[in-house]
Amino acid sequence: MRRKHRKLHVEAELDITAFMNLMIVLVPVLLLGMVFSQTSILDLNFPANSQELDVDLENLQIQLIVREHSLVVADSKGGLIKRVDNIANTYQFEELSLVLRQLKARLPDKKDISILAEKNTSYQTLVSAMDTARSYPAVVAASLVEAELFPEISIGDAPILPTSNLVEGAQ
């Protein structure tokens, strides 16, 4: 008699060790990459050319001029409102915020401001000035919120100050 031999049928095991190693490395790298890819977008209004401006004495334009040694708040009617000088080569944005809050209390419907910066103004200084002019932290109903100051910001170049050498040379 003949016997039938059955072949042992062994199923192959899946080796997923290499795939698991890849996932262990890939997941943390992707998660870390997401933290550093945050962006912020600021809406800016660029001022019109001086030729296109209609001179209207009823409209008041508030200006924040960023100079090398000070921050100057001025308006189009009366001129200088407040000059905030630097202390130890550091801009005093807290004092600027107080000045802008007082100005906002006098002009509650005003929403726009022009920030005029000198050519050598750093990017961080310009962004800090914009943040200070836009809002300030306030406590409302036991919660810290951002209160609005002047959210509509226009940027431009600061007028050049005449130097004493140029004035003496003209005489």
Protein backbone atom coordinates (compact mmCIF):
# COMPACT_ATOMS: atom_id res chain seq x y z
CA MET A 1 0.00 0.00 0.00
CA ARG A 2 0.97 3.35 -0.76
CA ARG A 3 0.83 6.08 1.78
CA LYS A 4 0.07 9.62 0.91
CA HIS A 5 2.42 12.06 2.43
CA ARG A 6 1.08 15.40 3.05
CA LYS A 7 3.50 18.21 2.75
CA LEU A 8 3.72 20.43 5.74
CA HIS A 9 2.36 23.78 4.69
CA VAL A 10 4.09 26.55 6.67
CA GLU A 11 2.80 30.10 6.32
CA ALA A 12 5.41 32.83 6.00
CA GLU A 13 5.48 35.42 8.76
CA LEU A 14 5.41 39.06 7.88
CA ASP A 15 8.52 40.86 9.02
CA ILE A 16 7.43 44.44 9.77
CA THR A 17 10.44 45.38 11.87
CA ALA A 18 11.88 47.67 9.18
CA PHE A 19 8.51 49.43 8.75
CA MET A 20 8.12 49.92 12.51
CA ASN A 21 11.63 51.41 12.71
CA LEU A 22 10.71 53.84 9.94
CA MET A 23 7.53 54.91 11.76
CA ILE A 24 9.36 55.37 15.05
CA VAL A 25 11.70 57.86 13.36
CA LEU A 26 9.25 59.48 10.92
CA VAL A 27 6.39 60.36 13.28
CA PRO A 28 8.43 62.51 15.74
CA VAL A 29 10.21 64.28 12.86
CA LEU A 30 6.90 65.21 11.24
CA LEU A 31 5.41 66.35 14.54
CA LEU A 32 8.42 68.56 15.28
CA GLY A 33 8.24 70.06 11.81
CA MET A 34 4.65 71.18 12.32
CA VAL A 35 5.54 73.36 15.32
CA PHE A 36 7.96 75.51 13.32
CA SER A 37 5.74 76.13 10.32
CA GLN A 38 3.34 78.62 11.91
CA THR A 39 2.88 81.89 10.05
CA SER A 40 1.12 85.13 10.82
CA ILE A 41 -0.45 87.45 8.29
CA LEU A 42 -0.86 91.15 8.92
CA ASP A 43 -3.18 93.29 6.80
CA LEU A 44 -1.51 96.56 5.90
CA ASN A 45 -2.77 99.63 4.09
CA PHE A 46 -0.22 101.60 2.13
CA PRO A 47 -0.66 105.38 2.21
CA ALA A 48 -1.59 107.07 -1.03
CA ASN A 49 0.88 109.32 -2.84
CA SER A 50 0.98 112.88 -1.57
CA GLN A 51 -0.30 114.08 -4.96
CA GLU A 52 -3.42 111.92 -4.67
CA LEU A 53 -4.35 113.06 -1.16
CA ASP A 54 -7.22 115.48 -0.81
CA VAL A 55 -6.39 117.95 1.92
CA ASP A 56 -9.35 117.79 4.29
CA LEU A 57 -8.91 119.60 7.58
CA GLU A 58 -11.82 117.71 9.14
CA ASN A 59 -10.03 114.34 8.85
CA LEU A 60 -7.40 113.80 11.49
CA GLN A 61 -4.52 111.49 10.64
CA ILE A 62 -2.59 109.96 13.55
CA GLN A 63 1.07 109.15 12.91
CA LEU A 64 3.57 107.05 14.83
CA ILE A 65 7.06 107.97 13.68
CA VAL A 66 9.80 105.47 14.58
CA ARG A 67 13.09 107.34 14.91
CA GLU A 68 16.49 105.97 15.88
CA HIS A 69 16.33 107.44 19.41
CA SER A 70 12.59 107.89 20.01
CA LEU A 71 9.00 107.11 19.12
CA VAL A 72 6.97 110.16 18.12
CA VAL A 73 3.16 110.31 18.15
CA ALA A 74 1.81 113.17 16.03
CA ASP A 75 -1.33 114.21 14.18
CA SER A 76 -1.97 116.06 10.95
CA LYS A 77 -3.60 119.08 12.64
CA GLY A 78 -1.67 119.98 15.78
CA GLY A 79 1.63 118.27 15.14
CA LEU A 80 3.50 116.62 18.01
CA ILE A 81 1.35 114.83 20.61
CA LYS A 82 4.03 112.96 22.58
CA ARG A 83 7.67 111.99 22.14
CA VAL A 84 8.78 108.78 23.87
CA ASP A 85 12.58 108.74 24.15
CA ASN A 86 14.59 105.53 24.27
CA ILE A 87 16.11 104.44 27.57
CA ALA A 88 19.42 102.58 27.25
CA ASN A 89 18.91 102.23 23.46
CA THR A 90 15.60 100.41 24.04
CA TYR A 91 12.27 101.58 22.68
CA GLN A 92 9.66 102.18 25.40
CA PHE A 93 6.64 100.39 23.90
CA GLU A 94 4.85 100.27 27.28
CA GLU A 95 4.85 104.06 27.53
CA LEU A 96 3.81 104.28 23.87
CA SER A 97 0.87 102.00 24.63
CA LEU A 98 -0.25 104.33 27.44
CA VAL A 99 -0.08 107.35 25.11
CA LEU A 100 -2.09 105.52 22.43
CA ARG A 101 -4.69 104.44 25.02
CA GLN A 102 -5.16 108.07 26.11
CA LEU A 103 -5.45 109.10 22.47
CA LYS A 104 -8.01 106.35 21.82
CA ALA A 105 -10.05 107.55 24.84
CA ARG A 106 -10.25 111.01 23.23
CA LEU A 107 -10.96 109.62 19.74
CA PRO A 108 -12.97 106.39 20.24
CA ASP A 109 -14.17 106.17 16.61
CA LYS A 110 -10.69 106.49 15.12
CA LYS A 111 -9.40 103.15 13.82
CA ASP A 112 -6.49 104.03 11.54
CA ILE A 113 -2.90 105.04 12.20
CA SER A 114 0.14 105.56 9.99
CA ILE A 115 3.45 104.13 11.13
CA LEU A 116 6.37 105.95 9.53
CA ALA A 117 9.78 104.35 10.01
CA GLU A 118 13.28 105.53 9.19
CA LYS A 119 15.29 103.56 6.64
CA ASN A 120 17.53 101.84 9.21
CA THR A 121 14.66 100.64 11.44
CA SER A 122 14.87 96.92 12.21
CA TYR A 123 12.07 94.58 11.22
CA GLN A 124 11.45 93.53 14.85
CA THR A 125 11.09 97.17 15.93
CA LEU A 126 8.56 97.80 13.16
CA VAL A 127 6.53 94.69 14.09
CA SER A 128 6.60 95.63 17.79
CA ALA A 129 5.37 99.14 16.94
CA MET A 130 2.55 97.66 14.84
CA ASP A 131 1.55 95.26 17.63
CA THR A 132 1.58 98.09 20.19
CA ALA A 133 -0.55 100.33 17.95
CA ARG A 134 -3.05 97.56 17.12
CA SER A 135 -4.12 96.45 20.61
CA TYR A 136 -3.21 96.17 24.28
CA PRO A 137 -3.90 93.52 26.94
CA ALA A 138 -6.88 94.37 29.13
CA VAL A 139 -8.78 92.53 31.87
CA VAL A 140 -12.49 92.16 31.20
CA ALA A 141 -14.68 90.01 33.49
CA ALA A 142 -11.62 88.35 35.07
CA SER A 143 -10.28 87.39 31.62
CA LEU A 144 -7.27 88.75 29.78
CA VAL A 145 -8.33 90.00 26.33
CA GLU A 146 -6.75 92.13 23.61
CA ALA A 147 -8.48 95.53 23.55
CA GLU A 148 -8.50 97.33 20.22
CA LEU A 149 -6.59 100.56 19.68
CA PHE A 150 -5.91 101.33 16.01
CA PRO A 151 -6.27 98.11 13.97
CA GLU A 152 -6.07 99.72 10.50
CA ILE A 153 -2.35 100.31 10.03
CA SER A 154 -0.64 102.08 7.14
CA ILE A 155 3.13 102.04 6.83
CA GLY A 156 5.51 104.43 5.13
CA ASP A 157 8.83 106.23 5.30
CA ALA A 158 9.49 108.73 8.06
CA PRO A 159 10.24 112.28 7.01
CA ILE A 160 13.94 113.07 7.10
CA LEU A 161 14.98 115.39 9.92
CA PRO A 162 17.20 118.29 8.92
CA THR A 163 20.65 117.98 10.49
CA SER A 164 22.39 120.91 12.15
CA ASN A 165 25.25 120.70 9.59
CA LEU A 166 22.89 121.24 6.68
CA VAL A 167 21.23 124.20 8.43
CA GLU A 168 24.60 125.83 9.22
CA GLY A 169 25.79 125.31 5.64
CA ALA A 170 22.70 127.04 4.26
CA GLN A 171 23.41 130.27 6.19
